[in-house]
Amino acid sequence: MSEIFLLSERQMERIRPYFPLAHGVPRVDDRRVLSGILYVIRNGLQWKYIPKT
């Protein structure tokens, strides 16, 4: 599977205010994490079947 689903920058800007603030711990890439969650929901897959990047 070569196509990786990522949210657009415009989509991320719309939902960014709802993310929690970082309190001394560096944030992970929210876009990548959220895109992974949506990929699983959309495709009905189990976490172990997500493609490696």
N, C-alpha and C. Protein backbone atom coordinates (compact mmCIF):
# COMPACT_ATOMS: atom_id res chain seq x y z
N MET A 1 0.85 -1.17 0.00
CA MET A 1 0.00 0.00 0.00
C MET A 1 0.89 1.23 0.00
N SER A 2 0.88 1.96 -1.09
CA SER A 2 1.80 3.07 -1.22
C SER A 2 1.18 4.42 -0.92
N GLU A 3 -0.15 4.50 -0.92
CA GLU A 3 -0.80 5.78 -0.68
C GLU A 3 -1.09 5.96 0.81
N ILE A 4 -0.51 6.97 1.40
CA ILE A 4 -0.72 7.25 2.82
C ILE A 4 -1.69 8.41 2.93
N PHE A 5 -2.72 8.23 3.74
CA PHE A 5 -3.73 9.26 3.93
C PHE A 5 -3.23 10.29 4.93
N LEU A 6 -3.18 11.55 4.54
CA LEU A 6 -2.83 12.64 5.45
C LEU A 6 -3.87 13.74 5.34
N LEU A 7 -4.18 14.34 6.46
CA LEU A 7 -5.07 15.49 6.44
C LEU A 7 -4.35 16.67 5.79
N SER A 8 -5.10 17.52 5.13
CA SER A 8 -4.49 18.69 4.51
C SER A 8 -4.16 19.72 5.59
N GLU A 9 -3.33 20.67 5.24
CA GLU A 9 -2.97 21.73 6.19
C GLU A 9 -4.21 22.54 6.58
N ARG A 10 -5.10 22.75 5.64
CA ARG A 10 -6.34 23.50 5.92
C ARG A 10 -7.21 22.75 6.94
N GLN A 11 -7.32 21.43 6.78
CA GLN A 11 -8.08 20.63 7.73
C GLN A 11 -7.45 20.68 9.12
N MET A 12 -6.13 20.60 9.15
CA MET A 12 -5.43 20.64 10.45
C MET A 12 -5.63 21.97 11.15
N GLU A 13 -5.59 23.06 10.41
CA GLU A 13 -5.78 24.38 11.02
C GLU A 13 -7.17 24.53 11.63
N ARG A 14 -8.16 23.88 11.03
CA ARG A 14 -9.53 23.96 11.56
C ARG A 14 -9.68 23.22 12.88
N ILE A 15 -8.94 22.13 13.07
CA ILE A 15 -9.10 21.35 14.30
C ILE A 15 -8.00 21.58 15.32
N ARG A 16 -6.94 22.30 14.95
CA ARG A 16 -5.82 22.53 15.86
C ARG A 16 -6.22 23.16 17.20
N PRO A 17 -7.20 24.07 17.26
CA PRO A 17 -7.58 24.66 18.55
C PRO A 17 -8.12 23.65 19.56
N TYR A 18 -8.50 22.48 19.11
CA TYR A 18 -9.06 21.47 20.01
C TYR A 18 -8.01 20.53 20.58
N PHE A 19 -6.77 20.63 20.13
CA PHE A 19 -5.70 19.80 20.65
C PHE A 19 -5.24 20.32 22.01
N PRO A 20 -4.85 19.44 22.91
CA PRO A 20 -4.34 19.91 24.20
C PRO A 20 -2.99 20.60 24.03
N LEU A 21 -2.68 21.50 24.93
CA LEU A 21 -1.40 22.20 24.89
C LEU A 21 -0.30 21.30 25.43
N ALA A 22 0.91 21.47 24.92
CA ALA A 22 2.06 20.72 25.42
C ALA A 22 2.53 21.38 26.71
N HIS A 23 2.77 20.58 27.71
CA HIS A 23 3.23 21.09 29.01
C HIS A 23 4.61 20.53 29.31
N GLY A 24 5.61 21.06 28.62
CA GLY A 24 6.99 20.64 28.86
C GLY A 24 7.42 19.41 28.08
N VAL A 25 6.48 18.70 27.49
CA VAL A 25 6.80 17.52 26.71
C VAL A 25 6.62 17.86 25.23
N PRO A 26 7.63 17.59 24.41
CA PRO A 26 7.50 17.91 22.99
C PRO A 26 6.33 17.15 22.36
N ARG A 27 5.57 17.84 21.52
CA ARG A 27 4.41 17.23 20.85
C ARG A 27 4.88 16.29 19.76
N VAL A 28 4.12 15.23 19.57
CA VAL A 28 4.37 14.36 18.42
C VAL A 28 3.70 15.03 17.22
N ASP A 29 3.86 14.46 16.07
CA ASP A 29 3.26 15.02 14.86
C ASP A 29 1.76 14.73 14.90
N ASP A 30 0.97 15.70 15.34
CA ASP A 30 -0.48 15.52 15.48
C ASP A 30 -1.13 15.12 14.16
N ARG A 31 -0.64 15.68 13.08
CA ARG A 31 -1.21 15.38 11.77
C ARG A 31 -1.06 13.91 11.42
N ARG A 32 0.09 13.36 11.69
CA ARG A 32 0.36 11.96 11.38
C ARG A 32 -0.47 11.03 12.28
N VAL A 33 -0.55 11.36 13.56
CA VAL A 33 -1.31 10.53 14.51
C VAL A 33 -2.79 10.53 14.15
N LEU A 34 -3.35 11.71 13.94
CA LEU A 34 -4.76 11.82 13.61
C LEU A 34 -5.07 11.17 12.27
N SER A 35 -4.19 11.33 11.31
CA SER A 35 -4.38 10.69 10.01
C SER A 35 -4.40 9.17 10.15
N GLY A 36 -3.55 8.64 11.00
CA GLY A 36 -3.54 7.20 11.25
C GLY A 36 -4.84 6.71 11.86
N ILE A 37 -5.36 7.46 12.81
CA ILE A 37 -6.62 7.10 13.44
C ILE A 37 -7.76 7.12 12.42
N LEU A 38 -7.81 8.16 11.61
CA LEU A 38 -8.86 8.25 10.59
C LEU A 38 -8.72 7.15 9.53
N TYR A 39 -7.50 6.78 9.21
CA TYR A 39 -7.25 5.70 8.25
C TYR A 39 -7.86 4.40 8.75
N VAL A 40 -7.64 4.11 10.04
CA VAL A 40 -8.17 2.88 10.63
C VAL A 40 -9.69 2.91 10.67
N ILE A 41 -10.26 4.03 11.07
CA ILE A 41 -11.72 4.15 11.13
C ILE A 41 -12.33 4.00 9.74
N ARG A 42 -11.75 4.66 8.77
CA ARG A 42 -12.28 4.65 7.41
C ARG A 42 -12.21 3.27 6.78
N ASN A 43 -11.14 2.54 7.04
CA ASN A 43 -10.92 1.24 6.40
C ASN A 43 -11.32 0.06 7.27
N GLY A 44 -11.73 0.30 8.50
CA GLY A 44 -12.15 -0.77 9.38
C GLY A 44 -11.04 -1.75 9.69
N LEU A 45 -9.83 -1.27 9.81
CA LEU A 45 -8.69 -2.14 10.05
C LEU A 45 -8.32 -2.18 11.52
N GLN A 46 -7.61 -3.24 11.89
CA GLN A 46 -7.04 -3.31 13.22
C GLN A 46 -5.69 -2.60 13.18
N TRP A 47 -5.26 -2.09 14.33
CA TRP A 47 -4.00 -1.35 14.39
C TRP A 47 -2.82 -2.15 13.83
N LYS A 48 -2.81 -3.45 14.02
CA LYS A 48 -1.66 -4.25 13.58
C LYS A 48 -1.55 -4.31 12.05
N TYR A 49 -2.61 -3.91 11.33
CA TYR A 49 -2.58 -3.95 9.88
C TYR A 49 -2.26 -2.60 9.23
N ILE A 50 -1.96 -1.59 10.01
CA ILE A 50 -1.61 -0.30 9.45
C ILE A 50 -0.27 -0.42 8.72
N PRO A 51 -0.16 0.16 7.52
CA PRO A 51 1.11 0.06 6.79
C PRO A 51 2.26 0.74 7.52
N LYS A 52 3.42 0.16 7.46
CA LYS A 52 4.62 0.75 8.06
C LYS A 52 5.09 1.90 7.18
N THR A 53 5.56 3.00 7.83
CA THR A 53 6.06 4.13 7.04
C THR A 53 7.54 4.29 7.24
